Each structure stands twice: as C-alpha cells, then as structure tokens.
Protein backbone atom coordinates (compact mmCIF):
# COMPACT_ATOMS: atom_id res chain seq x y z
CA UNK A 1 118.01 90.83 -24.78
CA UNK A 2 121.36 91.22 -23.03
CA UNK A 3 120.66 91.52 -19.30
CA UNK A 4 123.85 93.52 -18.80
CA UNK A 5 122.12 96.47 -20.38
CA UNK A 6 120.11 99.02 -18.42
CA UNK A 7 116.66 97.64 -17.54
CA UNK A 8 114.11 98.92 -15.08
CA UNK A 9 112.85 95.37 -14.51
CA UNK A 10 116.23 94.38 -13.03
CA UNK A 11 115.91 96.96 -10.28
CA UNK A 12 115.86 95.26 -6.91
CA UNK A 13 113.20 96.90 -4.77
CA UNK A 14 110.29 95.89 -2.58
CA UNK A 15 107.05 97.40 -3.85
CA UNK A 16 107.05 100.58 -5.92
CA UNK A 17 110.15 102.20 -7.43
CA UNK A 18 110.00 105.80 -6.18
CA UNK A 19 111.50 108.48 -8.42
CA UNK A 20 112.26 112.20 -8.41
CA UNK A 21 112.31 114.22 -11.64
CA UNK A 22 114.95 116.93 -12.11
CA UNK A 23 114.79 119.64 -14.78
CA UNK A 24 116.84 122.67 -15.67
CA UNK A 25 115.14 125.87 -16.83
CA UNK A 26 117.79 127.18 -19.21
CA UNK A 27 117.83 130.66 -20.73
CA UNK A 28 115.92 129.72 -23.92
CA UNK A 29 113.12 127.90 -22.06
CA UNK A 30 109.89 129.20 -20.54
CA UNK A 31 108.22 127.89 -17.41
CA UNK A 32 105.50 126.38 -19.62
CA UNK A 33 108.18 124.50 -21.60
CA UNK A 34 109.56 123.02 -18.39
CA UNK A 35 106.14 122.04 -17.06
CA UNK A 36 105.30 120.38 -20.39
CA UNK A 37 108.62 118.50 -20.32
CA UNK A 38 107.93 117.32 -16.77
CA UNK A 39 104.46 116.07 -17.74
CA UNK A 40 105.90 114.01 -20.59
CA UNK A 41 108.77 112.74 -18.43
CA UNK A 42 106.27 111.68 -15.77
CA UNK A 43 104.31 109.73 -18.38
CA UNK A 44 107.55 108.06 -19.50
CA UNK A 45 108.26 107.11 -15.88
CA UNK A 46 104.77 105.69 -15.49
CA UNK A 47 105.29 103.60 -18.64
CA UNK A 48 108.61 102.33 -17.26
CA UNK A 49 107.04 101.39 -13.92
CA UNK A 50 108.45 104.24 -11.84
CA UNK A 51 106.31 106.12 -9.33
CA UNK A 52 107.08 109.86 -9.40
CA UNK A 53 106.89 111.31 -5.88
CA UNK A 54 108.40 114.78 -6.50
CA UNK A 55 109.89 117.14 -9.07
CA UNK A 56 112.81 119.54 -8.68
CA UNK A 57 113.89 122.33 -11.04
CA UNK A 58 116.47 125.07 -11.23
CA UNK A 59 116.80 128.11 -13.48
CA UNK A 60 120.30 128.34 -14.96
CA UNK A 61 121.85 130.12 -17.91
CA UNK A 62 123.71 126.89 -18.61
CA UNK A 63 124.00 123.55 -16.84
CA UNK A 64 126.82 122.98 -14.35
CA UNK A 65 129.52 120.88 -16.01
CA UNK A 66 130.23 118.69 -12.97
CA UNK A 67 126.74 117.98 -11.66
CA UNK A 68 124.27 119.59 -14.13
CA UNK A 69 122.56 121.45 -11.23
CA UNK A 70 124.11 123.74 -8.61
CA UNK A 71 125.48 122.62 -5.24
CA UNK A 72 122.59 124.13 -3.27
CA UNK A 73 119.99 122.39 -5.43
CA UNK A 74 122.03 119.18 -5.23
CA UNK A 75 121.85 119.30 -1.44
CA UNK A 76 118.10 119.86 -1.68
CA UNK A 77 117.85 116.84 -3.98
CA UNK A 78 119.75 114.69 -1.48
CA UNK A 79 117.43 115.72 1.36
CA UNK A 80 114.39 115.08 -0.83
CA UNK A 81 115.62 111.58 -1.70
CA UNK A 82 116.05 110.77 1.99
CA UNK A 83 112.68 112.17 2.99
CA UNK A 84 110.77 110.41 0.17
CA UNK A 85 112.79 107.16 0.22
CA UNK A 86 113.67 107.66 -3.43
CA UNK A 87 115.48 104.98 -5.41
CA UNK A 88 115.78 106.64 -8.83
CA UNK A 89 116.54 110.22 -9.92
CA UNK A 90 115.57 111.02 -13.50
CA UNK A 91 117.03 114.10 -15.23
CA UNK A 92 115.13 115.59 -18.17
CA UNK A 93 118.40 116.27 -19.99
CA UNK A 94 121.21 114.00 -21.16
CA UNK A 95 123.95 113.51 -18.59
CA UNK A 96 127.61 112.70 -19.02
CA UNK A 97 129.11 109.71 -17.16
CA UNK A 98 130.96 112.03 -14.78
CA UNK A 99 127.77 113.99 -14.03
CA UNK A 100 125.92 110.76 -13.18
CA UNK A 101 128.77 109.67 -10.87
CA UNK A 102 129.06 113.07 -9.18
CA UNK A 103 125.32 113.37 -8.55
CA UNK A 104 125.10 109.83 -7.19
CA UNK A 105 128.09 110.48 -4.90
CA UNK A 106 126.53 113.73 -3.64
CA UNK A 107 123.27 112.04 -2.60
CA UNK A 108 123.51 110.45 0.83
CA UNK A 109 120.99 107.75 -0.05
CA UNK A 110 121.93 104.92 -2.42
CA UNK A 111 120.11 105.95 -5.62
CA UNK A 112 120.40 105.34 -9.33
CA UNK A 113 120.71 108.47 -11.47
CA UNK A 114 119.52 108.20 -15.07
CA UNK A 115 118.65 110.63 -17.85
CA UNK A 116 115.72 110.93 -20.22
CA UNK A 117 117.38 108.97 -23.04
CA UNK A 118 118.25 106.05 -20.75
CA UNK A 119 114.61 105.94 -19.63
CA UNK A 120 113.29 105.89 -23.22
CA UNK A 121 115.75 103.14 -24.18
CA UNK A 122 114.56 101.10 -21.21
CA UNK A 123 110.92 101.49 -22.32
CA UNK A 124 111.79 100.42 -25.86
CA UNK A 125 113.63 97.39 -24.48
CA UNK A 126 110.56 96.37 -22.49
CA UNK A 127 108.12 96.77 -25.38
CA UNK A 128 110.13 95.20 -28.21
CA UNK A 129 108.51 91.89 -29.17
CA UNK A 130 109.88 90.74 -32.53
CA UNK A 131 113.45 89.69 -33.22
CA UNK A 132 114.00 92.79 -35.34
CA UNK A 133 112.63 95.07 -32.64
CA UNK A 134 114.84 93.53 -29.97
CA UNK A 135 117.92 93.89 -32.17
CA UNK A 136 117.09 97.52 -32.93
CA UNK A 137 116.74 98.39 -29.27
CA UNK A 138 119.85 96.52 -28.15
CA UNK A 139 121.96 98.26 -30.79
CA UNK A 140 120.57 101.65 -29.70
CA UNK A 141 121.34 100.91 -26.05
CA UNK A 142 124.87 99.74 -26.76
CA UNK A 143 125.65 102.75 -28.94
CA UNK A 144 124.39 105.09 -26.26
CA UNK A 145 126.29 103.31 -23.48
CA UNK A 146 129.70 102.80 -25.16
CA UNK A 147 130.96 106.36 -24.55
CA UNK A 148 129.42 106.22 -21.07
CA UNK A 149 131.55 103.33 -19.81
CA UNK A 150 133.43 105.08 -17.03
CA UNK A 151 135.57 102.28 -15.67
CA UNK A 152 133.23 101.22 -12.87
CA UNK A 153 132.40 97.53 -12.78
CA UNK A 154 133.87 94.34 -14.15
CA UNK A 155 132.34 93.25 -17.48
CA UNK A 156 130.13 96.32 -17.84
CA UNK A 157 128.65 95.87 -14.37
CA UNK A 158 128.21 99.66 -14.20
CA UNK A 159 125.19 98.91 -16.36
CA UNK A 160 124.74 95.38 -15.12
CA UNK A 161 121.91 95.28 -12.64
CA UNK A 162 119.72 98.06 -13.94
CA UNK A 163 118.55 100.93 -11.74
CA UNK A 164 120.14 101.14 -8.29
CA UNK A 165 123.16 98.89 -8.88
CA UNK A 166 126.84 99.68 -8.58
CA UNK A 167 129.87 97.80 -9.88
CA UNK A 168 132.97 96.86 -7.86
CA UNK A 169 135.40 98.62 -10.20
CA UNK A 170 136.50 98.27 -13.82
CA UNK A 171 140.07 97.30 -14.72
CA UNK A 172 139.71 96.54 -18.45
CA UNK A 173 137.73 99.49 -19.79
CA UNK A 174 139.22 99.60 -23.29
CA UNK A 175 138.88 95.84 -23.65
CA UNK A 176 135.23 96.12 -22.75
CA UNK A 177 134.71 98.96 -25.20
CA UNK A 178 136.22 96.90 -28.01
CA UNK A 179 134.01 93.99 -26.96
CA UNK A 180 130.90 96.17 -27.12
CA UNK A 181 131.86 97.61 -30.52
CA UNK A 182 132.36 94.09 -31.88
CA UNK A 183 128.99 93.12 -30.48
CA UNK A 184 127.36 96.16 -32.12
CA UNK A 185 128.91 95.20 -35.46
CA UNK A 186 127.60 91.63 -35.14
CA UNK A 187 124.12 92.80 -34.20
CA UNK A 188 124.08 95.28 -37.08
CA UNK A 189 124.89 92.44 -39.50
CA UNK A 190 121.89 90.49 -38.21
CA UNK A 191 119.70 93.59 -38.43
CA UNK A 192 120.88 94.24 -41.99
CA UNK A 193 119.66 90.79 -43.01
CA UNK A 194 116.27 91.42 -41.43
CA UNK A 195 116.16 94.86 -43.06
CA UNK A 196 116.74 93.25 -46.45
CA UNK A 197 113.79 90.97 -45.84
CA UNK A 198 111.64 93.96 -44.86
CA UNK A 199 112.76 95.83 -47.99
CA UNK A 200 111.89 92.82 -50.19
CA UNK A 201 108.44 92.58 -48.62
CA UNK A 202 107.92 96.30 -49.16
CA UNK A 203 109.08 96.00 -52.78
CA UNK A 204 106.75 93.05 -53.30
CA UNK A 205 103.82 95.04 -51.93
CA UNK A 206 104.69 97.96 -54.20
CA UNK A 207 104.92 95.63 -57.19
CA UNK A 208 101.37 94.52 -56.48
CA UNK A 209 100.22 98.05 -57.21
CA UNK A 210 98.24 98.27 -53.96
CA UNK A 211 98.42 101.74 -52.37
CA UNK A 212 100.52 101.74 -49.22
CA UNK A 213 99.35 104.01 -46.43
CA UNK A 214 101.41 104.52 -43.28
CA UNK A 215 100.01 105.65 -39.94
CA UNK A 216 102.56 107.87 -38.18
CA UNK A 217 102.51 110.44 -35.42
CA UNK A 218 103.26 111.22 -31.81
CA UNK A 219 103.33 108.34 -29.35
CA UNK A 220 100.05 107.50 -27.60
CA UNK A 221 98.00 109.50 -30.12
CA UNK A 222 95.86 106.46 -31.00
CA UNK A 223 97.60 105.03 -34.08
CA UNK A 224 97.15 101.39 -33.06
CA UNK A 225 93.55 102.04 -32.00
CA UNK A 226 92.85 103.51 -35.44
CA UNK A 227 94.41 100.51 -37.23
CA UNK A 228 92.38 98.16 -35.04
CA UNK A 229 89.18 100.08 -35.80
CA UNK A 230 89.76 100.07 -39.55
CA UNK A 231 91.10 96.54 -40.03
CA UNK A 232 90.29 94.58 -36.85
CA UNK A 233 94.04 94.00 -36.56
CA UNK A 234 93.83 93.10 -32.89
CA UNK A 235 97.19 94.70 -32.01
CA UNK A 236 98.01 96.06 -28.55
CA UNK A 237 96.51 99.52 -27.98
CA UNK A 238 97.04 100.86 -24.47
CA UNK A 239 96.95 104.31 -22.91
CA UNK A 240 100.70 104.54 -22.43
CA UNK A 241 103.72 105.73 -24.37
CA UNK A 242 105.33 103.40 -26.94
CA UNK A 243 102.84 100.58 -26.29
CA UNK A 244 103.75 99.13 -29.70
CA UNK A 245 107.11 99.34 -31.48
CA UNK A 246 106.93 96.79 -34.26
CA UNK A 247 105.20 97.80 -37.53
CA UNK A 248 101.97 96.01 -38.36
CA UNK A 249 100.55 95.91 -41.91
CA UNK A 250 96.96 94.98 -42.71
CA UNK A 251 94.81 95.00 -45.85
CA UNK A 252 91.46 96.72 -46.14
CA UNK A 253 89.07 97.71 -48.93
CA UNK A 254 87.77 101.15 -49.76
CA UNK A 255 84.57 101.48 -51.75
CA UNK A 256 86.03 103.98 -54.21
CA UNK A 257 89.71 103.04 -54.23
CA UNK A 258 89.81 99.27 -53.97
CA UNK A 259 92.27 97.46 -51.72
CA UNK A 260 94.88 99.33 -49.68
CA UNK A 261 97.63 98.39 -47.21
CA UNK A 262 97.71 100.14 -43.83
CA UNK A 263 100.88 100.09 -41.72
CA UNK A 264 101.14 101.20 -38.09
CA UNK A 265 104.60 102.49 -37.10
CA UNK A 266 106.59 103.35 -33.98
CA UNK A 267 105.47 106.55 -32.28
CA UNK A 268 107.46 109.78 -32.34
CA UNK A 269 108.46 111.79 -29.28
CA UNK A 270 110.25 115.07 -28.64
CA UNK A 271 114.04 114.58 -28.54
CA UNK A 272 113.79 111.00 -29.79
CA UNK A 273 117.26 109.54 -29.08
CA UNK A 274 119.45 109.62 -32.19
CA UNK A 275 120.60 106.04 -31.58
CA UNK A 276 116.96 104.91 -31.81
CA UNK A 277 116.38 106.84 -35.04
CA UNK A 278 119.42 105.09 -36.54
CA UNK A 279 118.50 101.64 -35.24
CA UNK A 280 114.89 101.90 -36.43
CA UNK A 281 115.89 103.09 -39.92
CA UNK A 282 114.32 100.15 -41.74
CA UNK A 283 111.11 100.53 -39.73
CA UNK A 284 110.93 104.23 -40.51
CA UNK A 285 111.29 103.36 -44.19
CA UNK A 286 107.63 102.36 -43.98
CA UNK A 287 106.98 106.10 -43.69
CA UNK A 288 109.51 107.18 -46.32
CA UNK A 289 108.17 104.94 -49.09
CA UNK A 290 104.45 105.22 -48.38
CA UNK A 291 102.02 106.52 -51.00
CA UNK A 292 100.16 108.42 -48.29
CA UNK A 293 100.88 109.21 -44.63
CA UNK A 294 98.17 109.56 -41.99
CA UNK A 295 99.64 111.74 -39.23
CA UNK A 296 97.65 110.92 -36.09
CA UNK A 297 97.63 113.48 -33.27
CA UNK A 298 95.91 113.63 -29.90
CA UNK A 299 93.57 116.59 -30.36
CA UNK A 300 92.85 116.69 -26.62
CA UNK A 301 96.50 117.12 -25.61
CA UNK A 302 97.58 120.45 -24.14
CA UNK A 303 100.88 119.97 -25.98
CA UNK A 304 99.20 119.39 -29.38
CA UNK A 305 101.05 122.21 -31.14
CA UNK A 306 104.43 120.90 -29.98
CA UNK A 307 103.48 117.34 -30.91
CA UNK A 308 102.57 118.52 -34.41
CA UNK A 309 105.85 120.41 -34.76
CA UNK A 310 107.94 117.43 -33.57
CA UNK A 311 106.12 115.08 -35.95
CA UNK A 312 106.58 117.38 -38.95
CA UNK A 313 110.29 117.80 -38.20
CA UNK A 314 110.86 114.04 -37.91
CA UNK A 315 108.92 113.33 -41.10
CA UNK A 316 110.97 115.94 -42.99
CA UNK A 317 114.16 114.36 -41.64
CA UNK A 318 113.07 110.87 -42.72
CA UNK A 319 112.26 111.96 -46.29
CA UNK A 320 115.45 114.05 -46.56
CA UNK A 321 117.77 111.29 -45.33
CA UNK A 322 116.33 108.81 -47.81
CA UNK A 323 116.35 111.38 -50.60
CA UNK A 324 112.74 110.70 -51.57
CA UNK A 325 109.98 113.22 -52.22
CA UNK A 326 107.70 113.83 -49.26
CA UNK A 327 104.51 111.77 -49.42
CA UNK A 328 101.10 113.46 -49.27
CA UNK A 329 99.81 113.82 -45.70
CA UNK A 330 96.40 113.76 -44.05
CA UNK A 331 96.41 115.16 -40.50
CA UNK A 332 94.12 113.02 -38.35
CA UNK A 333 93.11 114.71 -35.10
CA UNK A 334 92.08 111.83 -32.86
CA UNK A 335 90.13 111.88 -29.55
CA UNK A 336 87.92 114.68 -30.88
CA UNK A 337 85.16 113.43 -28.59
CA UNK A 338 87.16 115.00 -25.74
CA UNK A 339 87.17 118.49 -27.32
CA UNK A 340 84.94 121.33 -26.21
CA UNK A 341 82.84 123.21 -28.74
CA UNK A 342 84.73 125.65 -30.91
CA UNK A 343 88.12 124.01 -30.40
CA UNK A 344 88.17 122.12 -33.71
CA UNK A 345 88.25 125.26 -35.86
CA UNK A 346 91.34 126.62 -34.08
CA UNK A 347 93.12 123.26 -34.18
CA UNK A 348 92.34 122.68 -37.86
CA UNK A 349 94.37 125.73 -38.89
CA UNK A 350 97.62 124.38 -37.42
CA UNK A 351 98.76 122.09 -40.22
CA UNK A 352 97.32 124.00 -43.16
CA UNK A 353 96.62 120.85 -45.20
CA UNK A 354 93.98 118.12 -45.23
CA UNK A 355 92.60 117.80 -41.69
CA UNK A 356 90.12 115.24 -40.36
CA UNK A 357 88.70 115.00 -36.83
CA UNK A 358 87.96 111.51 -35.56
CA UNK A 359 87.58 109.38 -32.47
CA UNK A 360 89.18 106.00 -33.12
CA UNK A 361 87.61 104.74 -29.91
CA UNK A 362 84.00 105.64 -30.79
CA UNK A 363 84.17 105.63 -34.60
CA UNK A 364 83.22 109.30 -34.95
CA UNK A 365 84.60 110.85 -38.15
CA UNK A 366 85.90 107.57 -39.61
CA UNK A 367 83.75 107.92 -42.73
CA UNK A 368 85.16 111.41 -43.31
CA UNK A 369 88.67 110.01 -42.94
CA UNK A 370 88.05 107.24 -45.47
CA UNK A 371 86.60 109.78 -47.92
CA UNK A 372 89.70 111.95 -47.52
CA UNK A 373 91.92 108.90 -48.14
CA UNK A 374 89.99 107.99 -51.29
CA UNK A 375 90.27 111.56 -52.55
CA UNK A 376 94.02 111.66 -51.97
CA UNK A 377 94.53 108.28 -53.62
CA UNK A 378 92.47 109.34 -56.64
CA UNK A 379 94.89 112.21 -57.09
CA UNK A 380 97.86 109.84 -56.94
CA UNK A 381 96.61 106.81 -58.91
CA UNK A 382 94.39 106.80 -61.98
CA UNK A 383 92.92 104.10 -64.15
CA UNK A 384 94.79 104.57 -67.42
CA UNK A 385 94.71 102.95 -70.85
CA UNK A 386 98.12 102.21 -72.43
CA UNK A 387 98.74 101.08 -76.05
CA UNK A 388 102.15 99.42 -75.83
CA UNK A 389 103.77 98.22 -79.10
CA UNK A 390 104.44 94.51 -79.60
CA UNK A 391 107.95 93.56 -78.58
CA UNK A 392 108.12 96.02 -75.66
CA UNK A 393 107.99 93.35 -72.98
CA UNK A 394 110.06 95.61 -70.70
CA UNK A 395 107.23 98.16 -70.62
CA UNK A 396 104.62 95.45 -69.99
CA UNK A 397 106.76 94.11 -67.16
CA UNK A 398 107.11 97.60 -65.69
CA UNK A 399 103.34 98.02 -65.56
CA UNK A 400 102.87 94.64 -63.89
CA UNK A 401 105.47 95.59 -61.27
CA UNK A 402 104.35 99.14 -60.56
CA UNK A 403 100.62 99.26 -61.32
CA UNK A 404 97.46 97.23 -60.85
CA UNK A 405 96.75 95.70 -64.26
CA UNK A 406 93.03 95.17 -64.75
CA UNK A 407 92.72 94.31 -68.46
CA UNK A 408 95.01 93.14 -71.27
CA UNK A 409 93.88 92.88 -74.90
CA UNK A 410 96.11 91.99 -77.84
CA UNK A 411 95.36 94.24 -80.80
CA UNK A 412 96.79 94.12 -84.30
CA UNK A 413 99.55 96.71 -83.79
CA UNK A 414 99.85 96.85 -79.98
CA UNK A 415 98.78 95.50 -76.62
CA UNK A 416 96.06 97.48 -74.85
CA UNK A 417 96.65 97.50 -71.10
CA UNK A 418 94.24 99.11 -68.65
CA UNK A 419 95.92 99.64 -65.29
CA UNK A 420 95.58 101.75 -62.16
CA UNK A 421 98.92 103.57 -62.19
CA UNK A 422 100.61 106.19 -60.03
CA UNK A 423 101.94 109.51 -61.32
CA UNK A 424 105.52 108.22 -61.70
CA UNK A 425 104.43 105.24 -63.79
CA UNK A 426 102.18 107.38 -65.97
CA UNK A 427 105.04 109.80 -66.52
CA UNK A 428 107.47 107.07 -67.57
CA UNK A 429 105.00 105.59 -70.07
CA UNK A 430 103.40 108.87 -71.13
CA UNK A 431 103.97 108.19 -74.84
CA UNK A 432 101.76 105.07 -74.68
CA UNK A 433 98.79 106.63 -72.87
CA UNK A 434 95.60 106.89 -74.90
CA UNK A 435 93.22 107.81 -72.15
CA UNK A 436 93.39 108.62 -68.42
CA UNK A 437 90.67 108.20 -65.80
CA UNK A 438 89.09 105.43 -67.87
C-alpha cells in the first residue's frame, strides 16, 4: 500500500491518539440523529485506533462554507484541543480542502483535521489483506484525494505522513494530479484483471448448479461469526467495524437442499463513501448474482431501524446498477440473546418478509435459519425431468452449465435428463419438461 496515502498508523505520537468529534445539527436532522451519528463515528474512531476524549456540535441551517462550523464554535474547539491535548479532529461530514486548512489554521494546537470518509478509508486500508482488497482501497483513497490536493507539500506530502503531518509547500500541483490519475488508471487495470478472475470463478460456481448464498448486511452485525458457525471457516470475527473486507466462500450441506455455497461480504455502513462502492464493485457482485441473500442485522442495536434502511437502499442500488432482478432475501436478526422479552415481535415487522432470529455466537435459532434457507431454495430450484430430442447438444450443454444434472438416460427418441434446475433454466427449456418436483 502506498505510504503517501492517509494512514492512521503513520501518525507520530507517544501513547494514545486523542481525538475530538465534531458534528453539525442541520435543519433536517434531529438531536437523536446527531447522537446516533456520533455513536457510530466513535466506533469508527475506536476501530482506527483513536481515543475519543470529547464531542462538539453546533445547530446550523447550513454549514459555514469556510470552516463548516461558526467562528465561536471554532474558538471553543481550539480551546478544547488545548485542554485535552488533542491530536486529531474528526468531522462527521465531508470537508473541502479549504475547510480542512482553515480549521487547522484556526486551532492553536498542531492538529490533524479529517472527515468521516477519510477515517473510513483509513480503516479499509488497515483491514485489507488480499491483493485485490489492497488495490480496491488504494484506488478509493486516490480518487477521494485527487480533488483534495491543495498545493501543500512536495510529492503529495499533504497526505504523506498520515494524521498530524504538514507538508513544506507544493509547487507542482497539476503535475502531481496527472501522476495520481495515471496511477489510478494503472491500478484499475490490475483490478480489472483480478475482477475477471473473480467473475470466472463465480461463473464456474454457477455452472456447477450449486446454489450461491451471500451473507450481507450492516458492518459488525455478525456476518463472519455466522459463516464461521455454519461452515467452520475460521475467518476473523471481531467486535469492531469492518473487521473483514475480503469475501470468503465456503461449501456446506443442507439436509433437504444438498450442497450450497456461502459467501461473506464486506459490511455496509451509512454514507458508505462512493469511491469505495465503485472500487469494491466486483466484490459487491457476489451480492448481485446470488441465488439468495441473507441480510444479517444486529437485533440488539439501538440504530437497528436505520441499519435496516441503509442495507435495503444499498442492496437496491447494487441490483439496479447491474440491471439484474433482486434476489430473494431472508432477514437474519442476530444477537437475539441480548433482546428483552417482547422485543422480537416488534422487530420482526420491520422488513415485512422472511425473518429469522438467531444468535451466531450461541447457536440459538440456527436450525430455524437453515429451514428457512431450504424453503427458499426449494422455491427457486426444483428437481425436473427433461426429455430433450437427440441432436440438441446445445440444450444438454445448457443444463450441464446451469443445473445440477443427477441422471441421464438415452431413450429411443430422446435423452431423459433429471436435473435440479432454477426457474430461469426451467423457463428456457419449458417445452422439454415432462415432470417437475420429481
């Protein structure tokens, strides 16, 4: 990973990195919205290794163009940074380069001012493990930072040392911008090659006729814990945001539906940076082309309703952008062991579709989840008998690619093929079907 990019780990400090959170209560927001945003931002800071020592907010009809917050609140922020020996100021809204500069200049103490998106990008950079994941994050960081090069620092040193660093002055800004754009193009070429490999693997899995189930949902809802419980995958599952970024696929067997493939994906979050959505396009394809999506949510979270709304919006965007029909969904409310009596009934009405309550940590409700998965898959894939005329090798080939062929018998006037086929395959070969649900 390019060390010139923004990284919390490059911050030079003895001991903890102390941070102040700043939020703006704009006209359309409620106090509850702001408090919820602060809670999530504090969790992001904790994941990034920042210690939050204070929060500061201001109610405004609209943010101040020069400094985001007003002059009086800016003075209060400066005094707070001095009193608490703060090194980093984190805004819960995106900042322009000039706003970052003006706020830093207005604070008497030498601090690093960042915004929410910069913090999320830093977390992704820390947690990316595979070559594809590292490329995806670096591209997202570069795309976010290109328009934010303000002319401070030779060779991008404005971003060079991470939090708390300052450059000596930039004299070749446009040259640097062209350099970064060329670098983005080169990285995107590498990512495209890796994306092709991922697409081929996905196509190969689909050709095998094994149902593909994707685990999606809000970050830290327990997706990796669920995959580990079901398949003994042994992947990292920690109580922090974006603990895992790289998709993991494992096989497992269901008593009534045979073998399936389960894929864990990157977690969603409110206001997920657009550059990350673009960079992780091939990863999110695991959601778009799944036969079934398990949406995992933290049932114990006070922000459950918002998490559900964010997840549904992002799923709709993924399916729309790829112009594919939305996959069936099972809403999996995890951490149900932390719920008080009577809470499940109210929560279960939120999504209005198939809902299952589980605890991936204790195993509670897992059998109900597997039953729901089998029921959904039975609706999608059926064992079907086809009588395909001799000479129609293209139709035979189609079945071998798209379905699970279980039996082939050569009859006098046709070939009898018994296969477990999805609705699309059955529709294409409808004229050859002699019996469904064999």
